[in-house]
Amino acid sequence: HTFYLTNIVPQDFDNNRGYWTLLELRCRRLARSSYDDVEIVSGPLWLPDDQNWVRYRVIGENSVAVPTHLYKVVLGRKRGNSQPDLACFVVPNAPISLGDPLKKYAVSLDELERKSGLQFFPRLDLSSVGCMSEIDVDPEDLRFVVTQRIQEAGRAVQ
């Protein structure tokens, strides 16, 4: 469902081409190598700031609300293992240092459900869920994103 209009949100350009790309590449690698089945749910969040105010931009003639944060839930299952692994992230919709570990943005499923008002995987027995420990920035993915940015900067100068 990647290219449906229901699957798009206004996203900070630097985040989209940087940190969010790293997270998506990592999820793709997990799906290809570490797990036999991976379910991923992503979406927008409008969260309060330090003063408990929810402030966000609106863009375009239809005043589309720009989310303050984005979330991603990753559930992986290995063949022959009844215990699935889970990881949840809440990432600011703003530029983020590529050096930040993904674990900095990790949250529990309960916390994400509270913040979003949504329930993910309602039939999942949380007592049987493991932690997706290997989900961190892959150096190969980081090189790819940095190389991509350098190439884009070179095209912009030409």
Protein backbone atom coordinates (compact mmCIF):
# COMPACT_ATOMS: atom_id res chain seq x y z
CA HIS A 1 0.00 0.00 0.00
CA THR A 2 2.98 2.29 -0.41
CA PHE A 3 1.69 4.55 -3.15
CA TYR A 4 -1.92 5.13 -2.12
CA LEU A 5 -2.93 8.71 -1.35
CA THR A 6 -4.14 7.50 2.04
CA ASN A 7 -0.52 6.61 2.81
CA ILE A 8 1.02 10.08 2.52
CA VAL A 9 1.62 12.79 5.08
CA PRO A 10 3.47 16.10 4.85
CA GLN A 11 6.96 15.31 6.05
CA ASP A 12 9.99 17.46 6.78
CA PHE A 13 12.24 17.17 3.71
CA ASP A 14 15.47 16.56 5.65
CA ASN A 15 13.80 13.94 7.83
CA ASN A 16 12.22 12.18 4.85
CA ARG A 17 15.48 12.05 2.89
CA GLY A 18 17.54 11.29 6.00
CA TYR A 19 16.54 9.66 9.25
CA TRP A 20 13.15 8.33 8.13
CA THR A 21 14.88 6.75 5.14
CA LEU A 22 17.34 5.03 7.50
CA LEU A 23 14.46 3.62 9.53
CA GLU A 24 12.67 2.39 6.40
CA LEU A 25 15.85 0.82 5.00
CA ARG A 26 16.42 -0.97 8.30
CA CYS A 27 12.88 -2.32 8.26
CA ARG A 28 13.38 -3.52 4.70
CA ARG A 29 16.57 -5.35 5.70
CA LEU A 30 14.78 -7.03 8.60
CA ALA A 31 12.05 -8.20 6.24
CA ARG A 32 14.62 -9.64 3.83
CA SER A 33 17.07 -11.26 6.20
CA SER A 34 16.05 -11.59 9.85
CA TYR A 35 12.36 -12.48 9.76
CA ASP A 36 10.09 -14.63 7.64
CA ASP A 37 7.14 -12.27 8.10
CA VAL A 38 7.23 -8.56 8.94
CA GLU A 39 4.26 -6.27 9.49
CA ILE A 40 4.89 -2.52 9.53
CA VAL A 41 2.43 0.22 10.42
CA SER A 42 3.41 3.90 10.04
CA GLY A 43 1.50 7.11 10.52
CA PRO A 44 1.32 10.72 11.70
CA LEU A 45 1.04 12.08 15.23
CA TRP A 46 0.22 15.53 16.57
CA LEU A 47 1.83 15.62 20.01
CA PRO A 48 2.03 18.36 22.64
CA ASP A 49 5.25 20.33 23.14
CA ASP A 50 7.03 20.87 26.47
CA GLN A 51 4.34 23.37 27.52
CA ASN A 52 1.51 20.94 26.74
CA TRP A 53 0.41 22.81 23.62
CA VAL A 54 -0.25 21.01 20.36
CA ARG A 55 1.17 23.30 17.67
CA TYR A 56 1.53 22.38 14.05
CA ARG A 57 1.82 24.00 10.65
CA VAL A 58 -0.81 23.85 7.97
CA ILE A 59 0.15 23.95 4.31
CA GLY A 60 -1.55 24.46 0.97
CA GLU A 61 -4.82 26.06 0.03
CA ASN A 62 -6.72 23.31 1.87
CA SER A 63 -4.75 23.89 5.10
CA VAL A 64 -3.37 20.35 5.42
CA ALA A 65 -2.14 19.74 8.98
CA VAL A 66 1.56 18.86 9.18
CA PRO A 67 2.17 16.23 11.89
CA THR A 68 4.64 17.02 14.66
CA HIS A 69 5.83 13.40 14.78
CA LEU A 70 5.70 10.14 12.84
CA TYR A 71 5.41 6.62 14.22
CA LYS A 72 6.41 3.20 13.01
CA VAL A 73 5.48 -0.16 14.52
CA VAL A 74 7.44 -3.21 13.36
CA LEU A 75 6.33 -6.77 14.18
CA GLY A 76 8.54 -9.63 12.99
CA ARG A 77 7.96 -13.37 13.07
CA LYS A 78 10.46 -16.15 12.44
CA ARG A 79 9.37 -19.53 11.13
CA GLY A 80 9.28 -22.09 13.93
CA ASN A 81 9.24 -19.45 16.66
CA SER A 82 5.87 -18.69 18.18
CA GLN A 83 7.19 -15.54 19.88
CA PRO A 84 7.10 -12.51 17.57
CA ASP A 85 9.45 -9.55 18.07
CA LEU A 86 8.23 -5.97 18.24
CA ALA A 87 9.71 -2.47 17.98
CA CYS A 88 7.89 0.90 18.08
CA PHE A 89 9.27 4.34 17.26
CA VAL A 90 8.09 7.93 17.54
CA VAL A 91 10.25 10.28 15.48
CA PRO A 92 9.96 14.09 15.36
CA ASN A 93 8.86 15.38 11.96
CA ALA A 94 11.97 17.56 11.86
CA PRO A 95 15.61 17.23 10.83
CA ILE A 96 17.36 14.58 12.95
CA SER A 97 21.07 13.87 13.18
CA LEU A 98 21.96 10.78 11.18
CA GLY A 99 24.18 9.78 14.10
CA ASP A 100 21.25 9.33 16.50
CA PRO A 101 20.63 5.67 17.39
CA LEU A 102 17.15 4.39 16.55
CA LYS A 103 16.80 3.30 20.17
CA LYS A 104 16.63 6.98 21.12
CA TYR A 105 13.18 7.08 19.50
CA ALA A 106 11.98 3.67 20.69
CA VAL A 107 8.78 3.62 22.73
CA SER A 108 6.63 0.85 24.16
CA LEU A 109 3.54 -0.28 22.30
CA ASP A 110 1.43 0.91 25.26
CA GLU A 111 2.95 4.41 25.04
CA LEU A 112 2.38 4.62 21.29
CA GLU A 113 -1.21 3.44 21.66
CA ARG A 114 -1.80 6.09 24.35
CA LYS A 115 -0.27 8.85 22.21
CA SER A 116 -2.04 7.85 19.00
CA GLY A 117 -5.40 6.72 20.35
CA LEU A 118 -5.02 3.64 18.15
CA GLN A 119 -4.74 -0.04 18.99
CA PHE A 120 -2.16 -2.01 17.01
CA PHE A 121 -2.36 -5.80 16.65
CA PRO A 122 -5.33 -6.19 19.05
CA ARG A 123 -5.19 -10.01 18.94
CA LEU A 124 -1.50 -10.08 19.83
CA ASP A 125 -0.70 -11.52 23.26
CA LEU A 126 1.80 -8.92 24.52
CA SER A 127 3.11 -11.32 27.15
CA SER A 128 4.49 -13.47 24.32
CA VAL A 129 6.22 -10.65 22.43
CA GLY A 130 9.98 -10.24 22.35
CA CYS A 131 12.02 -7.11 21.74
CA MET A 132 13.44 -6.51 18.29
CA SER A 133 16.98 -5.99 19.56
CA GLU A 134 18.81 -5.76 16.24
CA ILE A 135 16.85 -2.78 14.96
CA ASP A 136 19.41 -0.02 14.87
CA VAL A 137 21.03 2.09 12.18
CA ASP A 138 22.97 -0.13 9.79
CA PRO A 139 26.31 1.42 8.70
CA GLU A 140 25.60 0.34 5.11
CA ASP A 141 22.26 2.20 5.17
CA LEU A 142 23.93 5.28 6.65
CA ARG A 143 26.51 5.29 3.82
CA PHE A 144 23.69 5.01 1.28
CA VAL A 145 21.76 7.98 2.73
CA VAL A 146 24.89 10.16 3.03
CA THR A 147 25.95 9.30 -0.55
CA GLN A 148 22.43 10.09 -1.78
CA ARG A 149 22.53 13.50 -0.06
CA ILE A 150 25.96 14.31 -1.53
CA GLN A 151 24.71 13.42 -5.02
CA GLU A 152 21.60 15.58 -4.56
CA ALA A 153 23.74 18.50 -3.39
CA GLY A 154 25.97 18.11 -6.46
CA ARG A 155 22.94 18.15 -8.79
CA ALA A 156 21.60 21.26 -7.06
CA VAL A 157 24.88 23.12 -7.67
CA GLN A 158 24.96 22.29 -11.40
